[in-house]
């Protein structure tokens, strides 16, 4: 199972939140072992180092680019 935490700005608190989710899911043999992925528009350098030291992949995304490729009529809000 892959646990994904999505934030606008990724900081250490977000990484800790992801690690707590992983810890919970890892208790269930159906999901264990989990893999963590931390996704944000901007990941602070300290958070990236911390996440990678815990085996969590970090991905920075450009929301404007992603939003630009979606038909506005398909949005929910």
C-alpha atoms as a PDB file:
ATOM      1  CA  UNK A   1       0.000   0.000   0.000  1.00  0.00           C
ATOM      2  CA  UNK A   2       1.151   3.530  -0.741  1.00  0.00           C
ATOM      3  CA  UNK A   3       0.364   6.273   1.779  1.00  0.00           C
ATOM      4  CA  UNK A   4       0.274   9.728   0.194  1.00  0.00           C
ATOM      5  CA  UNK A   5       0.227  12.995   2.138  1.00  0.00           C
ATOM      6  CA  UNK A   6      -0.569  16.075   0.049  1.00  0.00           C
ATOM      7  CA  UNK A   7       0.170  19.599   1.272  1.00  0.00           C
ATOM      8  CA  UNK A   8       0.558  23.026  -0.283  1.00  0.00           C
ATOM      9  CA  UNK A   9       3.742  23.615   1.722  1.00  0.00           C
ATOM     10  CA  UNK A  10       5.490  20.511   2.993  1.00  0.00           C
ATOM     11  CA  UNK A  11       7.076  20.832   6.408  1.00  0.00           C
ATOM     12  CA  UNK A  12       8.274  18.453   9.111  1.00  0.00           C
ATOM     13  CA  UNK A  13       4.815  18.299  10.704  1.00  0.00           C
ATOM     14  CA  UNK A  14       3.405  16.970   7.429  1.00  0.00           C
ATOM     15  CA  UNK A  15       6.083  14.287   7.264  1.00  0.00           C
ATOM     16  CA  UNK A  16       5.296  13.275  10.865  1.00  0.00           C
ATOM     17  CA  UNK A  17       1.612  13.032   9.968  1.00  0.00           C
ATOM     18  CA  UNK A  18       2.433  10.755   7.037  1.00  0.00           C
ATOM     19  CA  UNK A  19       4.652   8.581   9.244  1.00  0.00           C
ATOM     20  CA  UNK A  20       1.809   8.204  11.781  1.00  0.00           C
ATOM     21  CA  UNK A  21      -0.542   7.067   9.019  1.00  0.00           C
ATOM     22  CA  UNK A  22       2.050   4.588   7.798  1.00  0.00           C
ATOM     23  CA  UNK A  23       2.590   3.258  11.305  1.00  0.00           C
ATOM     24  CA  UNK A  24      -1.142   2.631  11.700  1.00  0.00           C
ATOM     25  CA  UNK A  25      -1.488   0.872   8.366  1.00  0.00           C
ATOM     26  CA  UNK A  26       1.651  -1.194   8.949  1.00  0.00           C
ATOM     27  CA  UNK A  27      -0.096  -2.786  11.934  1.00  0.00           C
ATOM     28  CA  UNK A  28      -2.492  -4.489   9.522  1.00  0.00           C
ATOM     29  CA  UNK A  29      -0.827  -7.371   7.657  1.00  0.00           C
ATOM     30  CA  UNK A  30      -3.146  -6.712   4.714  1.00  0.00           C
ATOM     31  CA  UNK A  31      -1.412  -3.368   4.066  1.00  0.00           C
ATOM     32  CA  UNK A  32       2.072  -3.832   5.524  1.00  0.00           C
ATOM     33  CA  UNK A  33       4.639  -2.877   4.551  1.00  0.00           C
ATOM     34  CA  UNK A  34       3.512   0.528   3.353  1.00  0.00           C
ATOM     35  CA  UNK A  35       5.443   3.001   1.233  1.00  0.00           C
ATOM     36  CA  UNK A  36       5.206   6.734   1.952  1.00  0.00           C
ATOM     37  CA  UNK A  37       5.012   9.569  -0.549  1.00  0.00           C
ATOM     38  CA  UNK A  38       5.067  13.233   0.508  1.00  0.00           C
ATOM     39  CA  UNK A  39       3.614  15.551  -2.148  1.00  0.00           C
ATOM     40  CA  UNK A  40       3.547  19.362  -2.031  1.00  0.00           C
ATOM     41  CA  UNK A  41       3.926  22.467  -4.142  1.00  0.00           C
ATOM     42  CA  UNK A  42       6.965  23.323  -2.047  1.00  0.00           C
ATOM     43  CA  UNK A  43       8.793  20.966   0.293  1.00  0.00           C
ATOM     44  CA  UNK A  44      11.004  22.710   2.827  1.00  0.00           C
ATOM     45  CA  UNK A  45      14.614  21.475   2.756  1.00  0.00           C
ATOM     46  CA  UNK A  46      14.523  20.207   6.355  1.00  0.00           C
ATOM     47  CA  UNK A  47      11.329  18.269   5.672  1.00  0.00           C
ATOM     48  CA  UNK A  48      12.827  16.694   2.553  1.00  0.00           C
ATOM     49  CA  UNK A  49      15.926  15.518   4.412  1.00  0.00           C
ATOM     50  CA  UNK A  50      13.786  14.179   7.266  1.00  0.00           C
ATOM     51  CA  UNK A  51      11.361  12.400   4.918  1.00  0.00           C
ATOM     52  CA  UNK A  52      14.109  10.792   2.874  1.00  0.00           C
ATOM     53  CA  UNK A  53      15.874   9.635   6.055  1.00  0.00           C
ATOM     54  CA  UNK A  54      12.653   7.769   6.918  1.00  0.00           C
ATOM     55  CA  UNK A  55      12.379   6.209   3.450  1.00  0.00           C
ATOM     56  CA  UNK A  56       9.613   8.538   2.264  1.00  0.00           C
ATOM     57  CA  UNK A  57       9.663   9.695  -1.367  1.00  0.00           C
ATOM     58  CA  UNK A  58       9.241  13.447  -1.929  1.00  0.00           C
ATOM     59  CA  UNK A  59       7.475  14.896  -4.965  1.00  0.00           C
ATOM     60  CA  UNK A  60       7.039  18.589  -5.702  1.00  0.00           C
ATOM     61  CA  UNK A  61       4.163  19.449  -8.032  1.00  0.00           C
ATOM     62  CA  UNK A  62       3.088  22.555  -9.901  1.00  0.00           C
ATOM     63  CA  UNK A  63      -0.634  22.967  -9.170  1.00  0.00           C
ATOM     64  CA  UNK A  64      -1.032  25.738 -11.744  1.00  0.00           C
ATOM     65  CA  UNK A  65       0.287  23.442 -14.437  1.00  0.00           C
ATOM     66  CA  UNK A  66      -1.963  20.613 -13.295  1.00  0.00           C
ATOM     67  CA  UNK A  67      -5.020  22.858 -13.146  1.00  0.00           C
ATOM     68  CA  UNK A  68      -4.298  24.274 -16.584  1.00  0.00           C
ATOM     69  CA  UNK A  69      -4.572  20.873 -18.204  1.00  0.00           C
ATOM     70  CA  UNK A  70      -8.077  20.198 -16.842  1.00  0.00           C
ATOM     71  CA  UNK A  71     -11.262  21.307 -18.564  1.00  0.00           C
ATOM     72  CA  UNK A  72     -12.871  23.911 -16.201  1.00  0.00           C
ATOM     73  CA  UNK A  73     -16.283  22.289 -16.745  1.00  0.00           C
ATOM     74  CA  UNK A  74     -15.003  19.086 -15.116  1.00  0.00           C
ATOM     75  CA  UNK A  75     -14.257  20.715 -11.745  1.00  0.00           C
ATOM     76  CA  UNK A  76     -16.468  19.877  -8.762  1.00  0.00           C
ATOM     77  CA  UNK A  77     -16.344  23.370  -7.226  1.00  0.00           C
END
